[in-house]
Amino acid sequence: MKKNNKLKSFDEHLEEEYGKKGTKSREVYEAGFEVFKLGAMLQELRTKEGLTQEELAAKCGTTKSYISRIENNASDIRLSTIMRIFRDGFGKKIRLSVN
């Protein structure tokens, strides 16, 4: 049995697993990945600032469970709440882009 040792690029892997860019399955994957990145950024910044979920929630007028949901990949997040969390919790602004 011969083993294929050809390494694939990340884009090749995504295409193989989720389809070409523009296909429905790839769009679903990419949308989910964006939500994941937002949660990861929030958790990284919160940790860097030395805040617990509870402390961050208190600073920006939400609940610990809401912060946890965002950090753990919740997809039903209000943009206004995300903006308030970054503004009131960290003194940061969110910039959006459309590609």
PDB file of N, CA and C in Angstrom:
ATOM      1  N   MET A   1       0.841  -1.168   0.000  1.00  0.00           N
ATOM      2  CA  MET A   1       0.000   0.000   0.000  1.00  0.00           C
ATOM      3  C   MET A   1       0.893   1.240   0.000  1.00  0.00           C
ATOM      4  N   LYS A   2       0.755   2.067  -1.012  1.00  0.00           N
ATOM      5  CA  LYS A   2       1.556   3.279  -1.122  1.00  0.00           C
ATOM      6  C   LYS A   2       0.825   4.435  -0.447  1.00  0.00           C
ATOM      7  N   LYS A   3       1.563   5.175   0.349  1.00  0.00           N
ATOM      8  CA  LYS A   3       0.997   6.296   1.090  1.00  0.00           C
ATOM      9  C   LYS A   3       1.245   7.592   0.325  1.00  0.00           C
ATOM     10  N   ASN A   4       0.210   8.430   0.213  1.00  0.00           N
ATOM     11  CA  ASN A   4       0.340   9.714  -0.459  1.00  0.00           C
ATOM     12  C   ASN A   4       0.832  10.742   0.556  1.00  0.00           C
ATOM     13  N   ASN A   5       2.034  11.247   0.355  1.00  0.00           N
ATOM     14  CA  ASN A   5       2.634  12.197   1.295  1.00  0.00           C
ATOM     15  C   ASN A   5       2.515  13.642   0.824  1.00  0.00           C
ATOM     16  N   LYS A   6       1.698  13.898  -0.185  1.00  0.00           N
ATOM     17  CA  LYS A   6       1.557  15.262  -0.693  1.00  0.00           C
ATOM     18  C   LYS A   6       0.819  16.117   0.329  1.00  0.00           C
ATOM     19  N   LEU A   7       1.453  17.197   0.739  1.00  0.00           N
ATOM     20  CA  LEU A   7       0.817  18.131   1.658  1.00  0.00           C
ATOM     21  C   LEU A   7      -0.136  19.029   0.891  1.00  0.00           C
ATOM     22  N   LYS A   8      -1.242  19.340   1.530  1.00  0.00           N
ATOM     23  CA  LYS A   8      -2.236  20.220   0.924  1.00  0.00           C
ATOM     24  C   LYS A   8      -2.172  21.579   1.598  1.00  0.00           C
ATOM     25  N   SER A   9      -2.490  22.603   0.829  1.00  0.00           N
ATOM     26  CA  SER A   9      -2.602  23.933   1.419  1.00  0.00           C
ATOM     27  C   SER A   9      -3.910  23.981   2.202  1.00  0.00           C
ATOM     28  N   PHE A  10      -4.035  24.978   3.046  1.00  0.00           N
ATOM     29  CA  PHE A  10      -5.267  25.131   3.815  1.00  0.00           C
ATOM     30  C   PHE A  10      -6.450  25.363   2.878  1.00  0.00           C
ATOM     31  N   ASP A  11      -6.239  26.174   1.833  1.00  0.00           N
ATOM     32  CA  ASP A  11      -7.308  26.415   0.857  1.00  0.00           C
ATOM     33  C   ASP A  11      -7.732  25.122   0.157  1.00  0.00           C
ATOM     34  N   GLU A  12      -6.771  24.274  -0.184  1.00  0.00           N
ATOM     35  CA  GLU A  12      -7.099  22.984  -0.805  1.00  0.00           C
ATOM     36  C   GLU A  12      -7.904  22.112   0.146  1.00  0.00           C
ATOM     37  N   HIS A  13      -7.506  22.128   1.419  1.00  0.00           N
ATOM     38  CA  HIS A  13      -8.239  21.356   2.420  1.00  0.00           C
ATOM     39  C   HIS A  13      -9.680  21.857   2.541  1.00  0.00           C
ATOM     40  N   LEU A  14      -9.844  23.179   2.629  1.00  0.00           N
ATOM     41  CA  LEU A  14     -11.193  23.744   2.741  1.00  0.00           C
ATOM     42  C   LEU A  14     -12.034  23.400   1.530  1.00  0.00           C
ATOM     43  N   GLU A  15     -11.452  23.478   0.363  1.00  0.00           N
ATOM     44  CA  GLU A  15     -12.182  23.154  -0.857  1.00  0.00           C
ATOM     45  C   GLU A  15     -12.619  21.696  -0.862  1.00  0.00           C
ATOM     46  N   GLU A  16     -11.738  20.834  -0.409  1.00  0.00           N
ATOM     47  CA  GLU A  16     -12.054  19.405  -0.354  1.00  0.00           C
ATOM     48  C   GLU A  16     -13.147  19.113   0.671  1.00  0.00           C
ATOM     49  N   GLU A  17     -13.077  19.764   1.828  1.00  0.00           N
ATOM     50  CA  GLU A  17     -14.026  19.503   2.905  1.00  0.00           C
ATOM     51  C   GLU A  17     -15.355  20.234   2.742  1.00  0.00           C
ATOM     52  N   TYR A  18     -15.311  21.490   2.254  1.00  0.00           N
ATOM     53  CA  TYR A  18     -16.511  22.335   2.255  1.00  0.00           C
ATOM     54  C   TYR A  18     -16.917  22.829   0.877  1.00  0.00           C
ATOM     55  N   GLY A  19     -16.150  22.532  -0.139  1.00  0.00           N
ATOM     56  CA  GLY A  19     -16.489  22.966  -1.490  1.00  0.00           C
ATOM     57  C   GLY A  19     -15.757  24.235  -1.885  1.00  0.00           C
ATOM     58  N   LYS A  20     -15.940  24.605  -3.131  1.00  0.00           N
ATOM     59  CA  LYS A  20     -15.288  25.806  -3.665  1.00  0.00           C
ATOM     60  C   LYS A  20     -15.920  27.057  -3.077  1.00  0.00           C
ATOM     61  N   LYS A  21     -15.154  28.149  -3.084  1.00  0.00           N
ATOM     62  CA  LYS A  21     -15.688  29.434  -2.631  1.00  0.00           C
ATOM     63  C   LYS A  21     -16.920  29.767  -3.463  1.00  0.00           C
ATOM     64  N   GLY A  22     -17.929  30.268  -2.780  1.00  0.00           N
ATOM     65  CA  GLY A  22     -19.167  30.621  -3.463  1.00  0.00           C
ATOM     66  C   GLY A  22     -20.244  29.553  -3.370  1.00  0.00           C
ATOM     67  N   THR A  23     -19.854  28.326  -2.999  1.00  0.00           N
ATOM     68  CA  THR A  23     -20.869  27.283  -2.834  1.00  0.00           C
ATOM     69  C   THR A  23     -21.535  27.446  -1.474  1.00  0.00           C
ATOM     70  N   LYS A  24     -22.737  26.935  -1.348  1.00  0.00           N
ATOM     71  CA  LYS A  24     -23.511  27.073  -0.112  1.00  0.00           C
ATOM     72  C   LYS A  24     -22.759  26.479   1.082  1.00  0.00           C
ATOM     73  N   SER A  25     -22.216  25.277   0.924  1.00  0.00           N
ATOM     74  CA  SER A  25     -21.532  24.632   2.055  1.00  0.00           C
ATOM     75  C   SER A  25     -20.303  25.419   2.490  1.00  0.00           C
ATOM     76  N   ARG A  26     -19.589  26.020   1.557  1.00  0.00           N
ATOM     77  CA  ARG A  26     -18.411  26.819   1.899  1.00  0.00           C
ATOM     78  C   ARG A  26     -18.835  28.111   2.589  1.00  0.00           C
ATOM     79  N   GLU A  27     -19.922  28.731   2.133  1.00  0.00           N
ATOM     80  CA  GLU A  27     -20.415  29.957   2.760  1.00  0.00           C
ATOM     81  C   GLU A  27     -20.860  29.698   4.197  1.00  0.00           C
ATOM     82  N   VAL A  28     -21.508  28.566   4.437  1.00  0.00           N
ATOM     83  CA  VAL A  28     -21.929  28.206   5.791  1.00  0.00           C
ATOM     84  C   VAL A  28     -20.699  28.039   6.684  1.00  0.00           C
ATOM     85  N   TYR A  29     -19.685  27.336   6.180  1.00  0.00           N
ATOM     86  CA  TYR A  29     -18.442  27.159   6.941  1.00  0.00           C
ATOM     87  C   TYR A  29     -17.806  28.512   7.256  1.00  0.00           C
ATOM     88  N   GLU A  30     -17.674  29.373   6.252  1.00  0.00           N
ATOM     89  CA  GLU A  30     -16.993  30.652   6.445  1.00  0.00           C
ATOM     90  C   GLU A  30     -17.757  31.559   7.407  1.00  0.00           C
ATOM     91  N   ALA A  31     -19.075  31.545   7.353  1.00  0.00           N
ATOM     92  CA  ALA A  31     -19.866  32.348   8.296  1.00  0.00           C
ATOM     93  C   ALA A  31     -19.650  31.849   9.723  1.00  0.00           C
ATOM     94  N   GLY A  32     -19.648  30.548   9.905  1.00  0.00           N
ATOM     95  CA  GLY A  32     -19.397  29.973  11.226  1.00  0.00           C
ATOM     96  C   GLY A  32     -18.013  30.303  11.736  1.00  0.00           C
ATOM     97  N   PHE A  33     -17.051  30.319  10.830  1.00  0.00           N
ATOM     98  CA  PHE A  33     -15.675  30.634  11.217  1.00  0.00           C
ATOM     99  C   PHE A  33     -15.561  32.083  11.675  1.00  0.00           C
ATOM    100  N   GLU A  34     -16.290  32.993  11.047  1.00  0.00           N
ATOM    101  CA  GLU A  34     -16.268  34.400  11.456  1.00  0.00           C
ATOM    102  C   GLU A  34     -16.826  34.555  12.870  1.00  0.00           C
ATOM    103  N   VAL A  35     -17.889  33.833  13.178  1.00  0.00           N
ATOM    104  CA  VAL A  35     -18.462  33.875  14.531  1.00  0.00           C
ATOM    105  C   VAL A  35     -17.452  33.323  15.533  1.00  0.00           C
ATOM    106  N   PHE A  36     -16.792  32.225  15.169  1.00  0.00           N
ATOM    107  CA  PHE A  36     -15.764  31.639  16.023  1.00  0.00           C
ATOM    108  C   PHE A  36     -14.647  32.646  16.294  1.00  0.00           C
ATOM    109  N   LYS A  37     -14.180  33.345  15.243  1.00  0.00           N
ATOM    110  CA  LYS A  37     -13.100  34.318  15.401  1.00  0.00           C
ATOM    111  C   LYS A  37     -13.501  35.447  16.343  1.00  0.00           C
ATOM    112  N   LEU A  38     -14.734  35.912  16.230  1.00  0.00           N
ATOM    113  CA  LEU A  38     -15.208  36.978  17.107  1.00  0.00           C
ATOM    114  C   LEU A  38     -15.160  36.532  18.570  1.00  0.00           C
ATOM    115  N   GLY A  39     -15.638  35.326  18.838  1.00  0.00           N
ATOM    116  CA  GLY A  39     -15.598  34.797  20.200  1.00  0.00           C
ATOM    117  C   GLY A  39     -14.180  34.634  20.715  1.00  0.00           C
ATOM    118  N   ALA A  40     -13.289  34.158  19.838  1.00  0.00           N
ATOM    119  CA  ALA A  40     -11.886  33.976  20.229  1.00  0.00           C
ATOM    120  C   ALA A  40     -11.219  35.318  20.512  1.00  0.00           C
ATOM    121  N   MET A  41     -11.526  36.326  19.697  1.00  0.00           N
ATOM    122  CA  MET A  41     -10.953  37.663  19.938  1.00  0.00           C
ATOM    123  C   MET A  41     -11.442  38.225  21.265  1.00  0.00           C
ATOM    124  N   LEU A  42     -12.726  38.062  21.540  1.00  0.00           N
ATOM    125  CA  LEU A  42     -13.282  38.557  22.791  1.00  0.00           C
ATOM    126  C   LEU A  42     -12.609  37.876  23.978  1.00  0.00           C
ATOM    127  N   GLN A  43     -12.492  36.567  23.923  1.00  0.00           N
ATOM    128  CA  GLN A  43     -11.880  35.825  25.026  1.00  0.00           C
ATOM    129  C   GLN A  43     -10.412  36.208  25.194  1.00  0.00           C
ATOM    130  N   GLU A  44      -9.690  36.344  24.101  1.00  0.00           N
ATOM    131  CA  GLU A  44      -8.272  36.716  24.175  1.00  0.00           C
ATOM    132  C   GLU A  44      -8.094  38.102  24.793  1.00  0.00           C
ATOM    133  N   LEU A  45      -8.896  39.062  24.362  1.00  0.00           N
ATOM    134  CA  LEU A  45      -8.798  40.414  24.896  1.00  0.00           C
ATOM    135  C   LEU A  45      -9.200  40.452  26.366  1.00  0.00           C
ATOM    136  N   ARG A  46     -10.269  39.733  26.713  1.00  0.00           N
ATOM    137  CA  ARG A  46     -10.720  39.691  28.110  1.00  0.00           C
ATOM    138  C   ARG A  46      -9.631  39.118  29.004  1.00  0.00           C
ATOM    139  N   THR A  47      -9.021  38.046  28.567  1.00  0.00           N
ATOM    140  CA  THR A  47      -7.948  37.403  29.341  1.00  0.00           C
ATOM    141  C   THR A  47      -6.738  38.334  29.456  1.00  0.00           C
ATOM    142  N   LYS A  48      -6.374  38.968  28.343  1.00  0.00           N
ATOM    143  CA  LYS A  48      -5.247  39.900  28.336  1.00  0.00           C
ATOM    144  C   LYS A  48      -5.480  41.060  29.307  1.00  0.00           C
ATOM    145  N   GLU A  49      -6.725  41.504  29.395  1.00  0.00           N
ATOM    146  CA  GLU A  49      -7.077  42.603  30.295  1.00  0.00           C
ATOM    147  C   GLU A  49      -7.249  42.136  31.743  1.00  0.00           C
ATOM    148  N   GLY A  50      -7.167  40.830  31.973  1.00  0.00           N
ATOM    149  CA  GLY A  50      -7.282  40.287  33.321  1.00  0.00           C
ATOM    150  C   GLY A  50      -8.695  40.318  33.886  1.00  0.00           C
ATOM    151  N   LEU A  51      -9.683  40.251  33.008  1.00  0.00           N
ATOM    152  CA  LEU A  51     -11.074  40.294  33.440  1.00  0.00           C
ATOM    153  C   LEU A  51     -11.708  38.908  33.401  1.00  0.00           C
ATOM    154  N   THR A  52     -12.573  38.637  34.362  1.00  0.00           N
ATOM    155  CA  THR A  52     -13.394  37.436  34.290  1.00  0.00           C
ATOM    156  C   THR A  52     -14.598  37.757  33.400  1.00  0.00           C
ATOM    157  N   GLN A  53     -15.316  36.738  33.000  1.00  0.00           N
ATOM    158  CA  GLN A  53     -16.539  36.961  32.228  1.00  0.00           C
ATOM    159  C   GLN A  53     -17.521  37.813  33.029  1.00  0.00           C
ATOM    160  N   GLU A  54     -17.601  37.543  34.309  1.00  0.00           N
ATOM    161  CA  GLU A  54     -18.507  38.279  35.188  1.00  0.00           C
ATOM    162  C   GLU A  54     -18.124  39.759  35.277  1.00  0.00           C
ATOM    163  N   GLU A  55     -16.833  40.037  35.413  1.00  0.00           N
ATOM    164  CA  GLU A  55     -16.369  41.421  35.491  1.00  0.00           C
ATOM    165  C   GLU A  55     -16.635  42.174  34.191  1.00  0.00           C
ATOM    166  N   LEU A  56     -16.366  41.519  33.063  1.00  0.00           N
ATOM    167  CA  LEU A  56     -16.626  42.145  31.769  1.00  0.00           C
ATOM    168  C   LEU A  56     -18.115  42.417  31.602  1.00  0.00           C
ATOM    169  N   ALA A  57     -18.933  41.463  31.957  1.00  0.00           N
ATOM    170  CA  ALA A  57     -20.380  41.631  31.845  1.00  0.00           C
ATOM    171  C   ALA A  57     -20.858  42.821  32.667  1.00  0.00           C
ATOM    172  N   ALA A  58     -20.344  42.976  33.863  1.00  0.00           N
ATOM    173  CA  ALA A  58     -20.735  44.090  34.734  1.00  0.00           C
ATOM    174  C   ALA A  58     -20.324  45.433  34.123  1.00  0.00           C
ATOM    175  N   LYS A  59     -19.153  45.483  33.488  1.00  0.00           N
ATOM    176  CA  LYS A  59     -18.668  46.725  32.886  1.00  0.00           C
ATOM    177  C   LYS A  59     -19.537  47.189  31.718  1.00  0.00           C
ATOM    178  N   CYS A  60     -20.137  46.233  31.023  1.00  0.00           N
ATOM    179  CA  CYS A  60     -20.859  46.620  29.806  1.00  0.00           C
ATOM    180  C   CYS A  60     -22.353  46.320  29.856  1.00  0.00           C
ATOM    181  N   GLY A  61     -22.871  46.008  31.028  1.00  0.00           N
ATOM    182  CA  GLY A  61     -24.313  45.887  31.188  1.00  0.00           C
ATOM    183  C   GLY A  61     -24.942  44.667  30.554  1.00  0.00           C
ATOM    184  N   THR A  62     -24.250  43.552  30.607  1.00  0.00           N
ATOM    185  CA  THR A  62     -24.824  42.305  30.117  1.00  0.00           C
ATOM    186  C   THR A  62     -24.588  41.233  31.165  1.00  0.00           C
ATOM    187  N   THR A  63     -24.790  39.981  30.810  1.00  0.00           N
ATOM    188  CA  THR A  63     -24.637  38.901  31.786  1.00  0.00           C
ATOM    189  C   THR A  63     -23.414  38.049  31.475  1.00  0.00           C
ATOM    190  N   LYS A  64     -22.939  37.352  32.489  1.00  0.00           N
ATOM    191  CA  LYS A  64     -21.822  36.420  32.327  1.00  0.00           C
ATOM    192  C   LYS A  64     -22.172  35.357  31.293  1.00  0.00           C
ATOM    193  N   SER A  65     -23.416  34.880  31.337  1.00  0.00           N
ATOM    194  CA  SER A  65     -23.813  33.827  30.400  1.00  0.00           C
ATOM    195  C   SER A  65     -23.795  34.330  28.954  1.00  0.00           C
ATOM    196  N   TYR A  66     -24.111  35.611  28.738  1.00  0.00           N
ATOM    197  CA  TYR A  66     -24.065  36.161  27.383  1.00  0.00           C
ATOM    198  C   TYR A  66     -22.625  36.241  26.890  1.00  0.00           C
ATOM    199  N   ILE A  67     -21.715  36.690  27.759  1.00  0.00           N
ATOM    200  CA  ILE A  67     -20.290  36.731  27.400  1.00  0.00           C
ATOM    201  C   ILE A  67     -19.814  35.312  27.069  1.00  0.00           C
ATOM    202  N   SER A  68     -20.197  34.354  27.884  1.00  0.00           N
ATOM    203  CA  SER A  68     -19.813  32.960  27.655  1.00  0.00           C
ATOM    204  C   SER A  68     -20.353  32.447  26.320  1.00  0.00           C
ATOM    205  N   ARG A  69     -21.585  32.779  26.004  1.00  0.00           N
ATOM    206  CA  ARG A  69     -22.175  32.343  24.738  1.00  0.00           C
ATOM    207  C   ARG A  69     -21.393  32.889  23.552  1.00  0.00           C
ATOM    208  N   ILE A  70     -20.991  34.143  23.633  1.00  0.00           N
ATOM    209  CA  ILE A  70     -20.216  34.733  22.538  1.00  0.00           C
ATOM    210  C   ILE A  70     -18.872  34.030  22.413  1.00  0.00           C
ATOM    211  N   GLU A  71     -18.196  33.842  23.533  1.00  0.00           N
ATOM    212  CA  GLU A  71     -16.876  33.198  23.518  1.00  0.00           C
ATOM    213  C   GLU A  71     -16.954  31.748  23.059  1.00  0.00           C
ATOM    214  N   ASN A  72     -18.096  31.128  23.214  1.00  0.00           N
ATOM    215  CA  ASN A  72     -18.248  29.718  22.847  1.00  0.00           C
ATOM    216  C   ASN A  72     -19.055  29.528  21.575  1.00  0.00           C
ATOM    217  N   ASN A  73     -18.957  30.526  20.666  1.00  0.00           N
ATOM    218  CA  ASN A  73     -19.457  30.354  19.310  1.00  0.00           C
ATOM    219  C   ASN A  73     -20.959  30.500  19.144  1.00  0.00           C
ATOM    220  N   ALA A  74     -21.608  31.351  19.916  1.00  0.00           N
ATOM    221  CA  ALA A  74     -23.033  31.604  19.697  1.00  0.00           C
ATOM    222  C   ALA A  74     -23.194  32.403  18.412  1.00  0.00           C
ATOM    223  N   SER A  75     -24.203  32.117  17.638  1.00  0.00           N
ATOM    224  CA  SER A  75     -24.359  32.808  16.368  1.00  0.00           C
ATOM    225  C   SER A  75     -25.494  33.831  16.369  1.00  0.00           C
ATOM    226  N   ASP A  76     -26.250  33.918  17.430  1.00  0.00           N
ATOM    227  CA  ASP A  76     -27.376  34.851  17.465  1.00  0.00           C
ATOM    228  C   ASP A  76     -27.046  36.064  18.324  1.00  0.00           C
ATOM    229  N   ILE A  77     -25.981  36.764  17.953  1.00  0.00           N
ATOM    230  CA  ILE A  77     -25.477  37.879  18.739  1.00  0.00           C
ATOM    231  C   ILE A  77     -25.909  39.181  18.063  1.00  0.00           C
ATOM    232  N   ARG A  78     -26.362  40.118  18.858  1.00  0.00           N
ATOM    233  CA  ARG A  78     -26.732  41.421  18.311  1.00  0.00           C
ATOM    234  C   ARG A  78     -25.478  42.270  18.117  1.00  0.00           C
ATOM    235  N   LEU A  79     -25.381  42.894  16.961  1.00  0.00           N
ATOM    236  CA  LEU A  79     -24.231  43.734  16.661  1.00  0.00           C
ATOM    237  C   LEU A  79     -24.110  44.875  17.665  1.00  0.00           C
ATOM    238  N   SER A  80     -25.232  45.476  18.042  1.00  0.00           N
ATOM    239  CA  SER A  80     -25.190  46.585  18.999  1.00  0.00           C
ATOM    240  C   SER A  80     -24.619  46.138  20.342  1.00  0.00           C
ATOM    241  N   THR A  81     -24.922  44.909  20.743  1.00  0.00           N
ATOM    242  CA  THR A  81     -24.381  44.391  22.012  1.00  0.00           C
ATOM    243  C   THR A  81     -22.888  44.143  21.892  1.00  0.00           C
ATOM    244  N   ILE A  82     -22.458  43.576  20.783  1.00  0.00           N
ATOM    245  CA  ILE A  82     -21.020  43.345  20.570  1.00  0.00           C
ATOM    246  C   ILE A  82     -20.269  44.678  20.601  1.00  0.00           C
ATOM    247  N   MET A  83     -20.826  45.674  19.936  1.00  0.00           N
ATOM    248  CA  MET A  83     -20.172  46.982  19.919  1.00  0.00           C
ATOM    249  C   MET A  83     -20.094  47.568  21.328  1.00  0.00           C
ATOM    250  N   ARG A  84     -21.142  47.399  22.105  1.00  0.00           N
ATOM    251  CA  ARG A  84     -21.157  47.913  23.485  1.00  0.00           C
ATOM    252  C   ARG A  84     -20.138  47.174  24.347  1.00  0.00           C
ATOM    253  N   ILE A  85     -20.021  45.857  24.169  1.00  0.00           N
ATOM    254  CA  ILE A  85     -19.060  45.078  24.953  1.00  0.00           C
ATOM    255  C   ILE A  85     -17.636  45.577  24.691  1.00  0.00           C
ATOM    256  N   PHE A  86     -17.284  45.751  23.426  1.00  0.00           N
ATOM    257  CA  PHE A  86     -15.931  46.208  23.115  1.00  0.00           C
ATOM    258  C   PHE A  86     -15.728  47.667  23.531  1.00  0.00           C
ATOM    259  N   ARG A  87     -16.746  48.508  23.364  1.00  0.00           N
ATOM    260  CA  ARG A  87     -16.630  49.921  23.730  1.00  0.00           C
ATOM    261  C   ARG A  87     -16.570  50.104  25.245  1.00  0.00           C
ATOM    262  N   ASP A  88     -17.584  49.586  25.964  1.00  0.00           N
ATOM    263  CA  ASP A  88     -17.669  49.799  27.402  1.00  0.00           C
ATOM    264  C   ASP A  88     -16.746  48.879  28.195  1.00  0.00           C
ATOM    265  N   GLY A  89     -16.533  47.691  27.696  1.00  0.00           N
ATOM    266  CA  GLY A  89     -15.704  46.728  28.412  1.00  0.00           C
ATOM    267  C   GLY A  89     -14.217  46.937  28.228  1.00  0.00           C
ATOM    268  N   PHE A  90     -13.828  47.416  27.026  1.00  0.00           N
ATOM    269  CA  PHE A  90     -12.402  47.534  26.720  1.00  0.00           C
ATOM    270  C   PHE A  90     -11.982  48.913  26.208  1.00  0.00           C
ATOM    271  N   GLY A  91     -12.946  49.790  25.954  1.00  0.00           N
ATOM    272  CA  GLY A  91     -12.606  51.090  25.377  1.00  0.00           C
ATOM    273  C   GLY A  91     -12.156  50.980  23.933  1.00  0.00           C
ATOM    274  N   LYS A  92     -12.676  50.001  23.219  1.00  0.00           N
ATOM    275  CA  LYS A  92     -12.278  49.750  21.823  1.00  0.00           C
ATOM    276  C   LYS A  92     -13.470  49.923  20.897  1.00  0.00           C
ATOM    277  N   LYS A  93     -13.175  50.192  19.622  1.00  0.00           N
ATOM    278  CA  LYS A  93     -14.197  50.285  18.590  1.00  0.00           C
ATOM    279  C   LYS A  93     -14.072  49.094  17.658  1.00  0.00           C
ATOM    280  N   ILE A  94     -15.190  48.698  17.100  1.00  0.00           N
ATOM    281  CA  ILE A  94     -15.204  47.625  16.108  1.00  0.00           C
ATOM    282  C   ILE A  94     -15.318  48.269  14.730  1.00  0.00           C
ATOM    283  N   ARG A  95     -14.509  47.801  13.803  1.00  0.00           N
ATOM    284  CA  ARG A  95     -14.603  48.238  12.404  1.00  0.00           C
ATOM    285  C   ARG A  95     -15.080  47.061  11.577  1.00  0.00           C
ATOM    286  N   LEU A  96     -16.036  47.308  10.728  1.00  0.00           N
ATOM    287  CA  LEU A  96     -16.566  46.275   9.843  1.00  0.00           C
ATOM    288  C   LEU A  96     -16.120  46.561   8.414  1.00  0.00           C
ATOM    289  N   SER A  97     -15.983  45.516   7.639  1.00  0.00           N
ATOM    290  CA  SER A  97     -15.685  45.701   6.212  1.00  0.00           C
ATOM    291  C   SER A  97     -16.557  44.742   5.417  1.00  0.00           C
ATOM    292  N   VAL A  98     -16.837  45.157   4.217  1.00  0.00           N
ATOM    293  CA  VAL A  98     -17.622  44.332   3.311  1.00  0.00           C
ATOM    294  C   VAL A  98     -16.726  44.010   2.123  1.00  0.00           C
ATOM    295  N   ASN A  99     -16.586  42.729   1.858  1.00  0.00           N
ATOM    296  CA  ASN A  99     -15.721  42.302   0.730  1.00  0.00           C
ATOM    297  C   ASN A  99     -16.550  41.656  -0.348  1.00  0.00           C
TER     298      ASN A  99
END
